[in-house]
Amino acid sequence: MTGEIYLAGVYVPTLLLLAVIALILTYGLTRLIAAFGLYRFLAYRAIVDLSLFILLMGTLAFLAPQAGIRL
């Protein structure tokens, strides 16, 4: 089966794992942006957070095959 990873007896879709990793990275980046006070320069925080998640998810999906992970 391609596109799935076996974890503790359960097949988990690769994109779900990539989304969880992207969510964790997005959380870290938003905390970093908030710590430096950069949100005051942005009009809509929610759109920026969503955009960060989408960019990170796309980057992970692009780099996954190069790391040997099948989508």
N, C-alpha and C. Protein backbone atom coordinates (compact mmCIF):
# COMPACT_ATOMS: atom_id res chain seq x y z
N MET A 1 0.84 -1.18 0.00
CA MET A 1 0.00 0.00 0.00
C MET A 1 0.88 1.24 0.00
N THR A 2 0.66 2.09 -0.95
CA THR A 2 1.44 3.31 -1.00
C THR A 2 0.66 4.45 -0.36
N GLY A 3 1.37 5.39 0.15
CA GLY A 3 0.73 6.56 0.73
C GLY A 3 0.25 6.38 2.15
N GLU A 4 0.63 5.28 2.79
CA GLU A 4 0.23 5.05 4.17
C GLU A 4 1.44 4.59 4.98
N ILE A 5 1.44 4.96 6.24
CA ILE A 5 2.51 4.57 7.15
C ILE A 5 1.89 3.76 8.27
N TYR A 6 2.55 2.67 8.62
CA TYR A 6 2.05 1.76 9.65
C TYR A 6 2.58 2.21 11.01
N LEU A 7 1.67 2.66 11.89
CA LEU A 7 2.05 3.10 13.23
C LEU A 7 1.23 2.35 14.27
N ALA A 8 1.87 1.55 15.04
CA ALA A 8 1.25 0.84 16.16
C ALA A 8 -0.02 0.10 15.76
N GLY A 9 0.04 -0.59 14.64
CA GLY A 9 -1.08 -1.39 14.21
C GLY A 9 -2.14 -0.65 13.42
N VAL A 10 -1.90 0.60 13.09
CA VAL A 10 -2.88 1.40 12.36
C VAL A 10 -2.19 2.01 11.15
N TYR A 11 -2.86 1.92 10.00
CA TYR A 11 -2.36 2.58 8.81
C TYR A 11 -2.82 4.03 8.82
N VAL A 12 -1.86 4.94 8.77
CA VAL A 12 -2.15 6.36 8.83
C VAL A 12 -1.76 6.97 7.49
N PRO A 13 -2.66 7.77 6.88
CA PRO A 13 -2.31 8.41 5.61
C PRO A 13 -1.12 9.35 5.78
N THR A 14 -0.25 9.36 4.79
CA THR A 14 0.94 10.18 4.86
C THR A 14 0.59 11.66 4.93
N LEU A 15 -0.41 12.08 4.19
CA LEU A 15 -0.79 13.49 4.20
C LEU A 15 -1.30 13.93 5.58
N LEU A 16 -1.92 13.02 6.31
CA LEU A 16 -2.36 13.35 7.67
C LEU A 16 -1.16 13.61 8.57
N LEU A 17 -0.13 12.77 8.46
CA LEU A 17 1.08 12.99 9.26
C LEU A 17 1.78 14.28 8.85
N LEU A 18 1.82 14.57 7.56
CA LEU A 18 2.42 15.82 7.10
C LEU A 18 1.63 17.02 7.60
N ALA A 19 0.31 16.90 7.64
CA ALA A 19 -0.52 17.99 8.14
C ALA A 19 -0.28 18.23 9.63
N VAL A 20 -0.11 17.16 10.39
CA VAL A 20 0.17 17.30 11.83
C VAL A 20 1.53 17.96 12.04
N ILE A 21 2.52 17.56 11.25
CA ILE A 21 3.84 18.18 11.35
C ILE A 21 3.77 19.65 10.96
N ALA A 22 3.02 19.96 9.89
CA ALA A 22 2.86 21.35 9.47
C ALA A 22 2.14 22.17 10.53
N LEU A 23 1.17 21.57 11.20
CA LEU A 23 0.44 22.26 12.27
C LEU A 23 1.37 22.58 13.44
N ILE A 24 2.22 21.64 13.80
CA ILE A 24 3.17 21.87 14.89
C ILE A 24 4.17 22.96 14.51
N LEU A 25 4.67 22.92 13.27
CA LEU A 25 5.59 23.96 12.82
C LEU A 25 4.91 25.32 12.74
N THR A 26 3.66 25.35 12.32
CA THR A 26 2.91 26.60 12.26
C THR A 26 2.73 27.18 13.66
N TYR A 27 2.43 26.32 14.61
CA TYR A 27 2.29 26.77 15.99
C TYR A 27 3.59 27.41 16.48
N GLY A 28 4.70 26.76 16.19
CA GLY A 28 5.98 27.30 16.61
C GLY A 28 6.30 28.63 15.94
N LEU A 29 6.01 28.73 14.65
CA LEU A 29 6.25 29.99 13.94
C LEU A 29 5.35 31.11 14.44
N THR A 30 4.09 30.81 14.72
CA THR A 30 3.21 31.85 15.21
C THR A 30 3.64 32.33 16.59
N ARG A 31 4.12 31.41 17.42
CA ARG A 31 4.64 31.82 18.73
C ARG A 31 5.87 32.71 18.57
N LEU A 32 6.72 32.38 17.60
CA LEU A 32 7.91 33.17 17.34
C LEU A 32 7.55 34.56 16.80
N ILE A 33 6.59 34.61 15.89
CA ILE A 33 6.14 35.89 15.35
C ILE A 33 5.51 36.74 16.45
N ALA A 34 4.73 36.12 17.31
CA ALA A 34 4.11 36.86 18.41
C ALA A 34 5.15 37.33 19.41
N ALA A 35 6.20 36.53 19.64
CA ALA A 35 7.23 36.92 20.60
C ALA A 35 8.00 38.15 20.13
N PHE A 36 8.20 38.26 18.82
CA PHE A 36 8.90 39.41 18.27
C PHE A 36 7.97 40.59 17.99
N GLY A 37 6.68 40.40 18.20
CA GLY A 37 5.72 41.48 18.02
C GLY A 37 5.46 41.85 16.57
N LEU A 38 5.62 40.90 15.67
CA LEU A 38 5.44 41.19 14.25
C LEU A 38 3.98 41.19 13.81
N TYR A 39 3.09 40.68 14.65
CA TYR A 39 1.67 40.66 14.29
C TYR A 39 1.08 42.06 14.22
N ARG A 40 1.71 43.03 14.84
CA ARG A 40 1.17 44.39 14.80
C ARG A 40 1.29 44.99 13.40
N PHE A 41 2.13 44.43 12.54
CA PHE A 41 2.28 44.91 11.18
C PHE A 41 1.31 44.23 10.21
N LEU A 42 0.54 43.26 10.69
CA LEU A 42 -0.34 42.48 9.84
C LEU A 42 -1.80 42.82 10.14
N ALA A 43 -2.61 42.85 9.09
CA ALA A 43 -4.01 43.24 9.26
C ALA A 43 -4.86 42.09 9.81
N TYR A 44 -4.68 40.89 9.26
CA TYR A 44 -5.53 39.77 9.63
C TYR A 44 -4.67 38.60 10.08
N ARG A 45 -4.61 38.39 11.37
CA ARG A 45 -3.76 37.35 11.94
C ARG A 45 -4.19 35.96 11.48
N ALA A 46 -5.49 35.71 11.42
CA ALA A 46 -5.98 34.38 11.06
C ALA A 46 -5.58 34.00 9.63
N ILE A 47 -5.62 34.97 8.73
CA ILE A 47 -5.24 34.69 7.35
C ILE A 47 -3.75 34.40 7.25
N VAL A 48 -2.96 35.11 8.02
CA VAL A 48 -1.51 34.86 8.03
C VAL A 48 -1.22 33.47 8.59
N ASP A 49 -1.89 33.09 9.65
CA ASP A 49 -1.69 31.76 10.23
C ASP A 49 -2.09 30.66 9.25
N LEU A 50 -3.21 30.84 8.58
CA LEU A 50 -3.66 29.86 7.59
C LEU A 50 -2.68 29.78 6.43
N SER A 51 -2.18 30.92 6.00
CA SER A 51 -1.21 30.95 4.91
C SER A 51 0.08 30.26 5.29
N LEU A 52 0.53 30.46 6.52
CA LEU A 52 1.73 29.77 6.99
C LEU A 52 1.53 28.25 6.97
N PHE A 53 0.35 27.81 7.43
CA PHE A 53 0.07 26.37 7.43
C PHE A 53 0.08 25.82 6.01
N ILE A 54 -0.56 26.52 5.08
CA ILE A 54 -0.62 26.05 3.70
C ILE A 54 0.77 26.01 3.07
N LEU A 55 1.57 27.04 3.32
CA LEU A 55 2.93 27.05 2.78
C LEU A 55 3.78 25.93 3.36
N LEU A 56 3.67 25.70 4.65
CA LEU A 56 4.44 24.62 5.27
C LEU A 56 3.97 23.24 4.80
N MET A 57 2.66 23.08 4.67
CA MET A 57 2.12 21.81 4.18
C MET A 57 2.58 21.54 2.76
N GLY A 58 2.54 22.55 1.91
CA GLY A 58 3.01 22.39 0.53
C GLY A 58 4.49 22.08 0.46
N THR A 59 5.27 22.73 1.31
CA THR A 59 6.71 22.47 1.34
C THR A 59 6.99 21.05 1.80
N LEU A 60 6.31 20.60 2.82
CA LEU A 60 6.50 19.23 3.30
C LEU A 60 6.06 18.20 2.26
N ALA A 61 4.95 18.47 1.58
CA ALA A 61 4.49 17.55 0.54
C ALA A 61 5.45 17.52 -0.64
N PHE A 62 6.07 18.65 -0.92
CA PHE A 62 7.05 18.71 -2.01
C PHE A 62 8.33 17.97 -1.64
N LEU A 63 8.75 18.09 -0.39
CA LEU A 63 10.01 17.47 0.04
C LEU A 63 9.88 16.02 0.46
N ALA A 64 8.67 15.55 0.71
CA ALA A 64 8.46 14.18 1.18
C ALA A 64 8.97 13.13 0.21
N PRO A 65 8.68 13.22 -1.10
CA PRO A 65 9.23 12.18 -2.01
C PRO A 65 10.75 12.18 -2.07
N GLN A 66 11.37 13.32 -1.87
CA GLN A 66 12.82 13.37 -1.88
C GLN A 66 13.40 12.68 -0.65
N ALA A 67 12.62 12.61 0.42
CA ALA A 67 13.04 11.94 1.64
C ALA A 67 12.69 10.44 1.60
N GLY A 68 12.05 10.01 0.54
CA GLY A 68 11.70 8.59 0.41
C GLY A 68 10.32 8.25 0.91
N ILE A 69 9.49 9.25 1.19
CA ILE A 69 8.14 9.01 1.67
C ILE A 69 7.20 9.11 0.49
N ARG A 70 6.39 8.07 0.29
CA ARG A 70 5.44 8.07 -0.81
C ARG A 70 4.12 8.69 -0.35
N LEU A 71 3.57 9.56 -1.19
CA LEU A 71 2.29 10.19 -0.86
C LEU A 71 1.16 9.42 -1.41
